[in-house]
Amino acid sequence: MTHPPFNILFLCTGNSARSILAEGLANHLSAGRLRAYSAGSQPMGRVNPLALDTLRELGCATEGMSSKSWDVFATPDAPAMDFVVTVCDSAAGEACPYWPGAPVTAHWGFADPSHVEGDDATRRAAFAKTAQDIAHRLRLFLSLPLDKLDRMSLQHEVRAIGTGA
């Protein structure tokens, strides 16, 4: 018997680059084991085009991706989250809303590729590097026996991925 997909929410402040990359990569790499979402505490209202370009270059679906508030996932009719992961440094210190069902939480900080200055090639390389770093952590996450570990073990393992431990 297979477990239904686990819901994972990636949070960042602007929900325009890192959390979008994480959403797209998680949905792509998980082969149906995850249903990934992303949101922001102060959404930009638009997705960085370089994030979408990077995902497409990696073969990830980008249809329907948008920059949205985390409030969307705090409503009674929102999908219940199994995991909530912050992906930017500023989000780690922000007060997160109450998440029904007490999801496993972690912080996986990544440098913001949208802050890199330079020509188009330099900026694209920054997005590619961030995507590579996110994909590495996601592969570690996906190597865990998610349906077999107890909650405390999962919490420990998912947080350790963020610290490199």
C-alpha atoms as a PDB file:
ATOM      1  CA  MET A   1       0.000   0.000   0.000  1.00  0.00           C
ATOM      2  CA  THR A   2       1.473   3.342  -0.972  1.00  0.00           C
ATOM      3  CA  HIS A   3       1.205   6.475   1.135  1.00  0.00           C
ATOM      4  CA  PRO A   4      -0.620   9.427  -0.442  1.00  0.00           C
ATOM      5  CA  PRO A   5       1.677  12.313  -1.371  1.00  0.00           C
ATOM      6  CA  PHE A   6       3.009  14.344   1.547  1.00  0.00           C
ATOM      7  CA  ASN A   7       2.172  18.061   1.391  1.00  0.00           C
ATOM      8  CA  ILE A   8       5.152  20.371   1.771  1.00  0.00           C
ATOM      9  CA  LEU A   9       5.035  24.168   1.914  1.00  0.00           C
ATOM     10  CA  PHE A  10       8.115  26.253   1.161  1.00  0.00           C
ATOM     11  CA  LEU A  11       8.027  29.715   2.720  1.00  0.00           C
ATOM     12  CA  CYS A  12      10.061  32.787   1.945  1.00  0.00           C
ATOM     13  CA  THR A  13       9.439  36.472   2.366  1.00  0.00           C
ATOM     14  CA  GLY A  14       8.690  37.464  -1.241  1.00  0.00           C
ATOM     15  CA  ASN A  15       7.701  34.078  -2.742  1.00  0.00           C
ATOM     16  CA  SER A  16       9.299  35.056  -6.041  1.00  0.00           C
ATOM     17  CA  ALA A  17      12.528  33.036  -6.341  1.00  0.00           C
ATOM     18  CA  ARG A  18      13.784  30.506  -3.748  1.00  0.00           C
ATOM     19  CA  SER A  19      10.434  29.192  -2.551  1.00  0.00           C
ATOM     20  CA  ILE A  20       9.230  29.009  -6.164  1.00  0.00           C
ATOM     21  CA  LEU A  21      12.365  27.047  -7.131  1.00  0.00           C
ATOM     22  CA  ALA A  22      11.804  24.704  -4.177  1.00  0.00           C
ATOM     23  CA  GLU A  23       8.151  24.145  -5.098  1.00  0.00           C
ATOM     24  CA  GLY A  24       8.942  23.330  -8.711  1.00  0.00           C
ATOM     25  CA  LEU A  25      11.913  21.124  -7.906  1.00  0.00           C
ATOM     26  CA  ALA A  26      10.095  19.218  -5.155  1.00  0.00           C
ATOM     27  CA  ASN A  27       7.169  18.442  -7.434  1.00  0.00           C
ATOM     28  CA  HIS A  28       9.563  17.381 -10.199  1.00  0.00           C
ATOM     29  CA  LEU A  29      12.063  15.329  -8.190  1.00  0.00           C
ATOM     30  CA  SER A  30       9.623  13.564  -5.872  1.00  0.00           C
ATOM     31  CA  ALA A  31       7.979  11.405  -8.554  1.00  0.00           C
ATOM     32  CA  GLY A  32       4.617  11.938  -6.877  1.00  0.00           C
ATOM     33  CA  ARG A  33       5.771  11.382  -3.277  1.00  0.00           C
ATOM     34  CA  LEU A  34       5.311  15.101  -2.530  1.00  0.00           C
ATOM     35  CA  ARG A  35       2.773  17.741  -3.383  1.00  0.00           C
ATOM     36  CA  ALA A  36       4.732  20.965  -3.031  1.00  0.00           C
ATOM     37  CA  TYR A  37       3.458  24.496  -2.562  1.00  0.00           C
ATOM     38  CA  SER A  38       5.095  27.858  -1.906  1.00  0.00           C
ATOM     39  CA  ALA A  39       4.073  31.129  -0.298  1.00  0.00           C
ATOM     40  CA  GLY A  40       5.489  34.269   1.263  1.00  0.00           C
ATOM     41  CA  SER A  41       5.000  36.420   4.326  1.00  0.00           C
ATOM     42  CA  GLN A  42       5.180  39.538   2.140  1.00  0.00           C
ATOM     43  CA  PRO A  43       4.664  38.221  -1.401  1.00  0.00           C
ATOM     44  CA  MET A  44       6.056  40.235  -4.282  1.00  0.00           C
ATOM     45  CA  GLY A  45       2.946  39.517  -6.316  1.00  0.00           C
ATOM     46  CA  ARG A  46       4.981  38.210  -9.244  1.00  0.00           C
ATOM     47  CA  VAL A  47       7.370  35.339  -9.804  1.00  0.00           C
ATOM     48  CA  ASN A  48      10.882  36.245 -10.899  1.00  0.00           C
ATOM     49  CA  PRO A  49      11.099  35.281 -14.596  1.00  0.00           C
ATOM     50  CA  LEU A  50      14.585  33.824 -14.053  1.00  0.00           C
ATOM     51  CA  ALA A  51      13.137  31.398 -11.490  1.00  0.00           C
ATOM     52  CA  LEU A  52      10.635  30.167 -14.071  1.00  0.00           C
ATOM     53  CA  ASP A  53      13.311  29.973 -16.784  1.00  0.00           C
ATOM     54  CA  THR A  54      15.568  27.961 -14.464  1.00  0.00           C
ATOM     55  CA  LEU A  55      12.792  25.517 -13.610  1.00  0.00           C
ATOM     56  CA  ARG A  56      11.866  25.041 -17.265  1.00  0.00           C
ATOM     57  CA  GLU A  57      15.518  24.388 -18.159  1.00  0.00           C
ATOM     58  CA  LEU A  58      15.504  21.628 -15.526  1.00  0.00           C
ATOM     59  CA  GLY A  59      12.352  20.072 -16.966  1.00  0.00           C
ATOM     60  CA  CYS A  60      10.035  21.259 -14.192  1.00  0.00           C
ATOM     61  CA  ALA A  61       6.434  22.286 -14.777  1.00  0.00           C
ATOM     62  CA  THR A  62       5.753  25.969 -14.065  1.00  0.00           C
ATOM     63  CA  GLU A  63       2.096  26.336 -15.041  1.00  0.00           C
ATOM     64  CA  GLY A  64       0.029  28.034 -12.372  1.00  0.00           C
ATOM     65  CA  MET A  65       2.975  29.156 -10.241  1.00  0.00           C
ATOM     66  CA  SER A  66       2.318  32.462  -8.533  1.00  0.00           C
ATOM     67  CA  SER A  67       3.584  34.671  -5.748  1.00  0.00           C
ATOM     68  CA  LYS A  68       1.050  34.408  -2.937  1.00  0.00           C
ATOM     69  CA  SER A  69       0.618  35.011   0.769  1.00  0.00           C
ATOM     70  CA  TRP A  70       1.027  32.252   3.318  1.00  0.00           C
ATOM     71  CA  ASP A  71      -2.486  33.224   4.445  1.00  0.00           C
ATOM     72  CA  VAL A  72      -3.756  31.122   1.509  1.00  0.00           C
ATOM     73  CA  PHE A  73      -2.540  28.011   3.349  1.00  0.00           C
ATOM     74  CA  ALA A  74      -3.872  28.988   6.790  1.00  0.00           C
ATOM     75  CA  THR A  75      -7.561  28.731   5.892  1.00  0.00           C
ATOM     76  CA  PRO A  76      -9.755  25.824   7.027  1.00  0.00           C
ATOM     77  CA  ASP A  77     -10.165  24.563   3.440  1.00  0.00           C
ATOM     78  CA  ALA A  78      -6.435  24.701   2.612  1.00  0.00           C
ATOM     79  CA  PRO A  79      -4.501  21.456   2.199  1.00  0.00           C
ATOM     80  CA  ALA A  80      -3.087  20.159   5.487  1.00  0.00           C
ATOM     81  CA  MET A  81       0.701  20.481   5.465  1.00  0.00           C
ATOM     82  CA  ASP A  82       2.931  17.625   6.547  1.00  0.00           C
ATOM     83  CA  PHE A  83       6.090  19.745   6.228  1.00  0.00           C
ATOM     84  CA  VAL A  84       6.741  23.501   6.293  1.00  0.00           C
ATOM     85  CA  VAL A  85      10.240  24.628   5.277  1.00  0.00           C
ATOM     86  CA  THR A  86      11.509  28.209   5.249  1.00  0.00           C
ATOM     87  CA  VAL A  87      14.101  28.815   2.552  1.00  0.00           C
ATOM     88  CA  CYS A  88      15.370  32.343   3.150  1.00  0.00           C
ATOM     89  CA  ASP A  89      17.248  33.831   6.034  1.00  0.00           C
ATOM     90  CA  SER A  90      14.752  36.546   6.836  1.00  0.00           C
ATOM     91  CA  ALA A  91      11.872  34.056   7.006  1.00  0.00           C
ATOM     92  CA  ALA A  92      13.620  32.009   9.699  1.00  0.00           C
ATOM     93  CA  GLY A  93      13.111  34.775  12.254  1.00  0.00           C
ATOM     94  CA  GLU A  94       9.560  35.656  11.242  1.00  0.00           C
ATOM     95  CA  ALA A  95       6.549  34.551  13.225  1.00  0.00           C
ATOM     96  CA  CYS A  96       4.843  31.802  11.249  1.00  0.00           C
ATOM     97  CA  PRO A  97       1.092  31.340  11.396  1.00  0.00           C
ATOM     98  CA  TYR A  98      -0.457  28.396  13.171  1.00  0.00           C
ATOM     99  CA  TRP A  99      -0.380  25.350  10.934  1.00  0.00           C
ATOM    100  CA  PRO A 100      -3.150  22.843  11.658  1.00  0.00           C
ATOM    101  CA  GLY A 101      -1.940  19.324  12.260  1.00  0.00           C
ATOM    102  CA  ALA A 102       1.461  20.391  13.596  1.00  0.00           C
ATOM    103  CA  PRO A 103       3.587  19.872  10.476  1.00  0.00           C
ATOM    104  CA  VAL A 104       7.280  19.053  10.683  1.00  0.00           C
ATOM    105  CA  THR A 105       9.140  22.353  10.330  1.00  0.00           C
ATOM    106  CA  ALA A 106      12.670  23.249   9.278  1.00  0.00           C
ATOM    107  CA  HIS A 107      14.771  26.083   7.933  1.00  0.00           C
ATOM    108  CA  TRP A 108      16.908  25.535   4.841  1.00  0.00           C
ATOM    109  CA  GLY A 109      18.522  28.888   4.141  1.00  0.00           C
ATOM    110  CA  PHE A 110      19.664  29.806   0.635  1.00  0.00           C
ATOM    111  CA  ALA A 111      21.230  32.975  -0.742  1.00  0.00           C
ATOM    112  CA  ASP A 112      18.750  35.010  -2.758  1.00  0.00           C
ATOM    113  CA  PRO A 113      19.708  34.740  -6.440  1.00  0.00           C
ATOM    114  CA  SER A 114      17.503  37.712  -7.309  1.00  0.00           C
ATOM    115  CA  HIS A 115      19.921  39.977  -5.404  1.00  0.00           C
ATOM    116  CA  VAL A 116      22.870  39.022  -7.614  1.00  0.00           C
ATOM    117  CA  GLU A 117      23.891  41.855  -9.888  1.00  0.00           C
ATOM    118  CA  GLY A 118      25.617  41.607 -13.221  1.00  0.00           C
ATOM    119  CA  ASP A 119      24.894  40.636 -16.760  1.00  0.00           C
ATOM    120  CA  ASP A 120      22.248  38.124 -17.781  1.00  0.00           C
ATOM    121  CA  ALA A 121      24.690  35.185 -17.701  1.00  0.00           C
ATOM    122  CA  THR A 122      25.801  36.038 -14.154  1.00  0.00           C
ATOM    123  CA  ARG A 123      22.225  36.325 -12.918  1.00  0.00           C
ATOM    124  CA  ARG A 124      21.191  33.086 -14.630  1.00  0.00           C
ATOM    125  CA  ALA A 125      24.190  31.319 -13.083  1.00  0.00           C
ATOM    126  CA  ALA A 126      23.077  32.493  -9.628  1.00  0.00           C
ATOM    127  CA  PHE A 127      19.599  31.016 -10.164  1.00  0.00           C
ATOM    128  CA  ALA A 128      21.103  27.774 -11.479  1.00  0.00           C
ATOM    129  CA  LYS A 129      23.374  27.522  -8.407  1.00  0.00           C
ATOM    130  CA  THR A 130      20.476  28.109  -6.017  1.00  0.00           C
ATOM    131  CA  ALA A 131      18.383  25.510  -7.851  1.00  0.00           C
ATOM    132  CA  GLN A 132      21.284  23.046  -7.620  1.00  0.00           C
ATOM    133  CA  ASP A 133      21.611  23.660  -3.866  1.00  0.00           C
ATOM    134  CA  ILE A 134      17.862  23.244  -3.317  1.00  0.00           C
ATOM    135  CA  ALA A 135      17.813  20.061  -5.420  1.00  0.00           C
ATOM    136  CA  HIS A 136      20.651  18.625  -3.323  1.00  0.00           C
ATOM    137  CA  ARG A 137      18.714  19.137  -0.084  1.00  0.00           C
ATOM    138  CA  LEU A 138      15.535  17.807  -1.665  1.00  0.00           C
ATOM    139  CA  ARG A 139      17.325  14.632  -2.726  1.00  0.00           C
ATOM    140  CA  LEU A 140      18.515  14.171   0.868  1.00  0.00           C
ATOM    141  CA  PHE A 141      14.956  14.755   2.064  1.00  0.00           C
ATOM    142  CA  LEU A 142      13.529  12.306  -0.481  1.00  0.00           C
ATOM    143  CA  SER A 143      16.039   9.646   0.594  1.00  0.00           C
ATOM    144  CA  LEU A 144      14.386   9.562   4.036  1.00  0.00           C
ATOM    145  CA  PRO A 145      11.775   6.861   4.689  1.00  0.00           C
ATOM    146  CA  LEU A 146       9.121   9.556   5.206  1.00  0.00           C
ATOM    147  CA  ASP A 147       6.279   7.113   5.851  1.00  0.00           C
ATOM    148  CA  LYS A 148       8.279   5.021   8.339  1.00  0.00           C
ATOM    149  CA  LEU A 149       9.927   7.582  10.670  1.00  0.00           C
ATOM    150  CA  ASP A 150       8.134   8.887  13.739  1.00  0.00           C
ATOM    151  CA  ARG A 151       7.468  12.620  13.976  1.00  0.00           C
ATOM    152  CA  MET A 152      10.412  13.419  16.279  1.00  0.00           C
ATOM    153  CA  SER A 153      12.850  11.544  14.047  1.00  0.00           C
ATOM    154  CA  LEU A 154      11.466  13.276  10.961  1.00  0.00           C
ATOM    155  CA  GLN A 155      11.770  16.664  12.674  1.00  0.00           C
ATOM    156  CA  HIS A 156      15.397  15.951  13.539  1.00  0.00           C
ATOM    157  CA  GLU A 157      16.310  14.676  10.074  1.00  0.00           C
ATOM    158  CA  VAL A 158      14.571  17.461   8.150  1.00  0.00           C
ATOM    159  CA  ARG A 159      16.179  20.142  10.297  1.00  0.00           C
ATOM    160  CA  ALA A 160      19.596  18.482   9.955  1.00  0.00           C
ATOM    161  CA  ILE A 161      19.318  18.773   6.167  1.00  0.00           C
ATOM    162  CA  GLY A 162      19.127  22.542   6.598  1.00  0.00           C
ATOM    163  CA  THR A 163      22.218  22.704   8.797  1.00  0.00           C
ATOM    164  CA  GLY A 164      24.292  20.366   6.674  1.00  0.00           C
ATOM    165  CA  ALA A 165      24.657  17.991   9.643  1.00  0.00           C
END
